[in-house]
C-alpha atoms as a PDB file:
ATOM      1  CA  MET A   1     -69.604  -8.066 -13.247  1.00  0.00           C
ATOM      2  CA  GLU A   2     -71.347  -6.007 -15.580  1.00  0.00           C
ATOM      3  CA  ILE A   3     -69.937  -3.415 -17.127  1.00  0.00           C
ATOM      4  CA  SER A   4     -71.923  -0.186 -17.781  1.00  0.00           C
ATOM      5  CA  GLU A   5     -72.299   1.933 -20.713  1.00  0.00           C
ATOM      6  CA  LYS A   6     -70.254   4.701 -19.484  1.00  0.00           C
ATOM      7  CA  VAL A   7     -67.480   2.212 -18.591  1.00  0.00           C
ATOM      8  CA  PHE A   8     -67.317   0.625 -21.801  1.00  0.00           C
ATOM      9  CA  GLU A   9     -67.149   4.598 -23.301  1.00  0.00           C
ATOM     10  CA  GLN A  10     -64.383   5.153 -21.147  1.00  0.00           C
ATOM     11  CA  ALA A  11     -62.025   2.328 -21.581  1.00  0.00           C
ATOM     12  CA  ASN A  12     -62.733   2.818 -25.819  1.00  0.00           C
ATOM     13  CA  GLN A  13     -61.458   6.307 -25.114  1.00  0.00           C
ATOM     14  CA  ARG A  14     -58.390   5.158 -23.753  1.00  0.00           C
ATOM     15  CA  GLY A  15     -57.506   2.729 -26.062  1.00  0.00           C
ATOM     16  CA  ALA A  16     -58.209   5.235 -28.919  1.00  0.00           C
ATOM     17  CA  SER A  17     -56.150   7.811 -26.978  1.00  0.00           C
ATOM     18  CA  VAL A  18     -53.270   4.987 -26.688  1.00  0.00           C
ATOM     19  CA  LYS A  19     -53.571   4.112 -30.224  1.00  0.00           C
ATOM     20  CA  ALA A  20     -53.085   7.541 -31.388  1.00  0.00           C
ATOM     21  CA  ALA A  21     -50.093   7.949 -29.272  1.00  0.00           C
ATOM     22  CA  PHE A  22     -48.075   4.932 -30.835  1.00  0.00           C
ATOM     23  CA  PRO A  23     -47.530   3.634 -34.249  1.00  0.00           C
ATOM     24  CA  THR A  24     -48.836  -0.272 -34.857  1.00  0.00           C
ATOM     25  CA  VAL A  25     -47.045  -3.386 -35.389  1.00  0.00           C
ATOM     26  CA  LEU A  26     -47.507  -4.137 -39.156  1.00  0.00           C
ATOM     27  CA  LYS A  27     -44.972  -7.350 -39.313  1.00  0.00           C
ATOM     28  CA  VAL A  28     -43.193  -9.301 -36.603  1.00  0.00           C
ATOM     29  CA  ARG A  29     -40.578 -12.022 -37.490  1.00  0.00           C
ATOM     30  CA  TYR A  30     -37.297 -13.851 -35.962  1.00  0.00           C
ATOM     31  CA  ASP A  31     -34.397 -13.225 -38.228  1.00  0.00           C
ATOM     32  CA  GLN A  32     -32.266 -16.208 -37.349  1.00  0.00           C
ATOM     33  CA  ARG A  33     -29.403 -14.738 -39.374  1.00  0.00           C
ATOM     34  CA  ILE A  34     -28.714 -11.732 -36.925  1.00  0.00           C
ATOM     35  CA  ARG A  35     -31.041 -13.819 -33.894  1.00  0.00           C
ATOM     36  CA  ARG A  36     -33.223 -10.818 -33.391  1.00  0.00           C
ATOM     37  CA  VAL A  37     -37.378 -10.335 -33.612  1.00  0.00           C
ATOM     38  CA  VAL A  38     -37.617  -7.426 -35.866  1.00  0.00           C
ATOM     39  CA  ILE A  39     -40.799  -5.602 -35.816  1.00  0.00           C
ATOM     40  CA  ALA A  40     -42.067  -3.444 -38.752  1.00  0.00           C
ATOM     41  CA  LEU A  41     -44.229  -0.518 -37.270  1.00  0.00           C
ATOM     42  CA  ASP A  42     -46.951   1.203 -40.003  1.00  0.00           C
ATOM     43  CA  THR A  43     -44.365   4.549 -39.619  1.00  0.00           C
ATOM     44  CA  GLY A  44     -41.907   2.517 -41.550  1.00  0.00           C
ATOM     45  CA  LEU A  45     -39.519   2.256 -38.760  1.00  0.00           C
ATOM     46  CA  GLU A  46     -38.161  -1.283 -37.869  1.00  0.00           C
ATOM     47  CA  LEU A  47     -37.183  -2.494 -33.886  1.00  0.00           C
ATOM     48  CA  ALA A  48     -34.968  -5.205 -33.622  1.00  0.00           C
ATOM     49  CA  PHE A  49     -33.686  -6.497 -30.444  1.00  0.00           C
ATOM     50  CA  SER A  50     -31.920  -9.907 -29.042  1.00  0.00           C
ATOM     51  CA  PRO A  51     -35.003 -12.015 -27.363  1.00  0.00           C
ATOM     52  CA  LYS A  52     -32.681 -12.522 -24.304  1.00  0.00           C
ATOM     53  CA  MET A  53     -33.585  -8.713 -23.311  1.00  0.00           C
ATOM     54  CA  ALA A  54     -37.013  -9.075 -23.135  1.00  0.00           C
ATOM     55  CA  GLU A  55     -39.074 -11.025 -20.237  1.00  0.00           C
ATOM     56  CA  GLY A  56     -40.678 -13.970 -21.566  1.00  0.00           C
ATOM     57  CA  LEU A  57     -38.507 -14.241 -24.403  1.00  0.00           C
ATOM     58  CA  GLU A  58     -34.901 -14.810 -22.584  1.00  0.00           C
ATOM     59  CA  HIS A  59     -34.971 -18.395 -23.038  1.00  0.00           C
ATOM     60  CA  ALA A  60     -36.570 -19.000 -26.051  1.00  0.00           C
ATOM     61  CA  GLN A  61     -35.653 -20.985 -29.038  1.00  0.00           C
ATOM     62  CA  PRO A  62     -36.151 -19.775 -32.748  1.00  0.00           C
ATOM     63  CA  ALA A  63     -38.746 -22.381 -33.127  1.00  0.00           C
ATOM     64  CA  ASP A  64     -40.366 -20.640 -30.259  1.00  0.00           C
ATOM     65  CA  LEU A  65     -40.355 -17.255 -31.934  1.00  0.00           C
ATOM     66  CA  ALA A  66     -41.170 -18.301 -35.601  1.00  0.00           C
ATOM     67  CA  ASP A  67     -44.934 -17.441 -35.711  1.00  0.00           C
ATOM     68  CA  ALA A  68     -45.291 -14.420 -33.468  1.00  0.00           C
ATOM     69  CA  GLU A  69     -49.061 -12.980 -33.877  1.00  0.00           C
ATOM     70  CA  ILE A  70     -49.865  -9.092 -33.519  1.00  0.00           C
ATOM     71  CA  SER A  71     -52.620  -8.307 -31.290  1.00  0.00           C
ATOM     72  CA  PRO A  72     -56.179  -6.986 -32.839  1.00  0.00           C
ATOM     73  CA  SER A  73     -54.973  -3.398 -31.812  1.00  0.00           C
ATOM     74  CA  GLY A  74     -51.629  -3.575 -33.479  1.00  0.00           C
ATOM     75  CA  LEU A  75     -50.222  -2.471 -30.297  1.00  0.00           C
ATOM     76  CA  GLY A  76     -49.257  -6.266 -28.630  1.00  0.00           C
ATOM     77  CA  ILE A  77     -47.572  -9.225 -30.197  1.00  0.00           C
ATOM     78  CA  HIS A  78     -47.868 -12.922 -28.582  1.00  0.00           C
ATOM     79  CA  PHE A  79     -45.976 -15.942 -29.014  1.00  0.00           C
ATOM     80  CA  PRO A  80     -47.974 -18.844 -28.645  1.00  0.00           C
ATOM     81  CA  HIS A  81     -45.614 -21.313 -28.074  1.00  0.00           C
ATOM     82  CA  LEU A  82     -43.916 -19.468 -24.959  1.00  0.00           C
ATOM     83  CA  ASP A  83     -47.504 -18.123 -23.868  1.00  0.00           C
ATOM     84  CA  ALA A  84     -45.492 -14.647 -23.937  1.00  0.00           C
ATOM     85  CA  ASP A  85     -46.747 -11.094 -24.998  1.00  0.00           C
ATOM     86  CA  LEU A  86     -44.986  -7.677 -25.540  1.00  0.00           C
ATOM     87  CA  TYR A  87     -46.969  -4.523 -25.772  1.00  0.00           C
ATOM     88  CA  LEU A  88     -45.388  -1.825 -27.917  1.00  0.00           C
ATOM     89  CA  PRO A  89     -45.756   1.184 -26.294  1.00  0.00           C
ATOM     90  CA  ALA A  90     -43.617  -0.307 -23.244  1.00  0.00           C
ATOM     91  CA  LEU A  91     -40.732  -1.568 -25.671  1.00  0.00           C
ATOM     92  CA  LEU A  92     -40.976   2.163 -27.330  1.00  0.00           C
ATOM     93  CA  GLU A  93     -40.552   3.523 -24.001  1.00  0.00           C
ATOM     94  CA  GLY A  94     -37.365   1.266 -23.447  1.00  0.00           C
ATOM     95  CA  PHE A  95     -38.880  -1.166 -21.309  1.00  0.00           C
ATOM     96  CA  LEU A  96     -38.779  -4.822 -22.519  1.00  0.00           C
ATOM     97  CA  GLY A  97     -40.255  -6.594 -19.081  1.00  0.00           C
ATOM     98  CA  SER A  98     -41.840  -5.454 -15.906  1.00  0.00           C
ATOM     99  CA  ARG A  99     -40.334  -3.380 -13.487  1.00  0.00           C
ATOM    100  CA  ARG A 100     -39.026  -5.956 -11.616  1.00  0.00           C
ATOM    101  CA  TRP A 101     -37.463  -7.984 -14.285  1.00  0.00           C
ATOM    102  CA  MET A 102     -35.456  -5.158 -15.833  1.00  0.00           C
ATOM    103  CA  ALA A 103     -34.128  -4.362 -12.045  1.00  0.00           C
ATOM    104  CA  ALA A 104     -32.808  -7.569 -11.680  1.00  0.00           C
ATOM    105  CA  GLU A 105     -31.270  -7.339 -15.069  1.00  0.00           C
ATOM    106  CA  ILE A 106     -29.813  -3.968 -14.584  1.00  0.00           C
ATOM    107  CA  GLY A 107     -28.437  -5.596 -11.315  1.00  0.00           C
ATOM    108  CA  LYS A 108     -26.678  -8.409 -13.255  1.00  0.00           C
ATOM    109  CA  LEU A 109     -24.827  -5.705 -15.180  1.00  0.00           C
ATOM    110  CA  GLY A 110     -23.844  -3.440 -12.441  1.00  0.00           C
ATOM    111  CA  GLY A 111     -22.558  -6.496 -10.833  1.00  0.00           C
ATOM    112  CA  LYS A 112     -20.209  -7.005 -13.664  1.00  0.00           C
ATOM    113  CA  ALA A 113     -19.297  -3.313 -14.104  1.00  0.00           C
ATOM    114  CA  SER A 114     -15.527  -2.651 -13.291  1.00  0.00           C
ATOM    115  CA  SER A 115     -14.395   1.097 -12.196  1.00  0.00           C
ATOM    116  CA  GLU A 116     -10.674   2.020 -10.806  1.00  0.00           C
ATOM    117  CA  ALA A 117     -12.448   1.885  -7.173  1.00  0.00           C
ATOM    118  CA  LYS A 118     -13.919  -0.943  -7.215  1.00  0.00           C
ATOM    119  CA  SER A 119     -10.442  -2.763  -8.355  1.00  0.00           C
ATOM    120  CA  ALA A 120      -8.411  -1.038  -5.786  1.00  0.00           C
ATOM    121  CA  ALA A 121     -11.110  -1.902  -3.135  1.00  0.00           C
ATOM    122  CA  ALA A 122     -10.798  -5.597  -4.088  1.00  0.00           C
ATOM    123  CA  ARG A 123      -6.849  -5.563  -3.983  1.00  0.00           C
ATOM    124  CA  GLU A 124      -6.981  -3.985  -0.468  1.00  0.00           C
ATOM    125  CA  ASN A 125      -9.474  -6.594   0.588  1.00  0.00           C
ATOM    126  CA  GLY A 126      -6.982  -9.121  -1.188  1.00  0.00           C
ATOM    127  CA  LYS A 127      -4.284  -8.117   0.838  1.00  0.00           C
ATOM    128  CA  LEU A 128      -5.964  -8.599   4.008  1.00  0.00           C
ATOM    129  CA  GLY A 129      -6.729 -11.927   3.303  1.00  0.00           C
ATOM    130  CA  GLY A 130      -9.851 -11.863   0.866  1.00  0.00           C
ATOM    131  CA  ARG A 131     -13.536 -12.156   1.751  1.00  0.00           C
ATOM    132  CA  PRO A 132     -13.563 -13.539   5.604  1.00  0.00           C
ATOM    133  CA  THR A 133     -15.243 -16.769   5.790  1.00  0.00           C
ATOM    134  CA  ARG A 134     -18.932 -17.017   6.834  1.00  0.00           C
ATOM    135  CA  LYS A 135     -19.327 -18.482  10.327  1.00  0.00           C
ATOM    136  CA  GLU A 136     -22.503 -20.541  10.787  1.00  0.00           C
ATOM    137  CA  LYS A 137     -25.189 -19.468  13.131  1.00  0.00           C
ATOM    138  CA  GLU A 138     -24.578 -21.108  16.339  1.00  0.00           C
ATOM    139  CA  ALA A 139     -27.429 -23.749  17.329  1.00  0.00           C
ATOM    140  CA  ALA A 140     -29.599 -22.481  20.215  1.00  0.00           C
END
């Protein structure tokens, strides 16, 4: 596939506008003491988060996070041992993974949530003998 000069220029313009809208990564490291990935930005801001909160890093060991690399644009971080990448604009917008992955994580939290209504429903269900047993599908 050949890329035309016009398409190439448009891509460069899009890249420049993204780079102008977001700070760039100066340093990235894993702090074993606080068990966080720490990202230093050119604005002086530092971001720190648990690897368990980021798609691709959730099962990482400290050694897997030790040699993270910053992309040439300064907008990406690559973890070679995990073959995982993080995109800074997405991190800053509050997404530490794909929409599907984030939905699954949020769903896990929702299932753990407790409210008075949920507790009352569980008590009522318990009075009725609890959750009914599943009946096996009858063979045809």
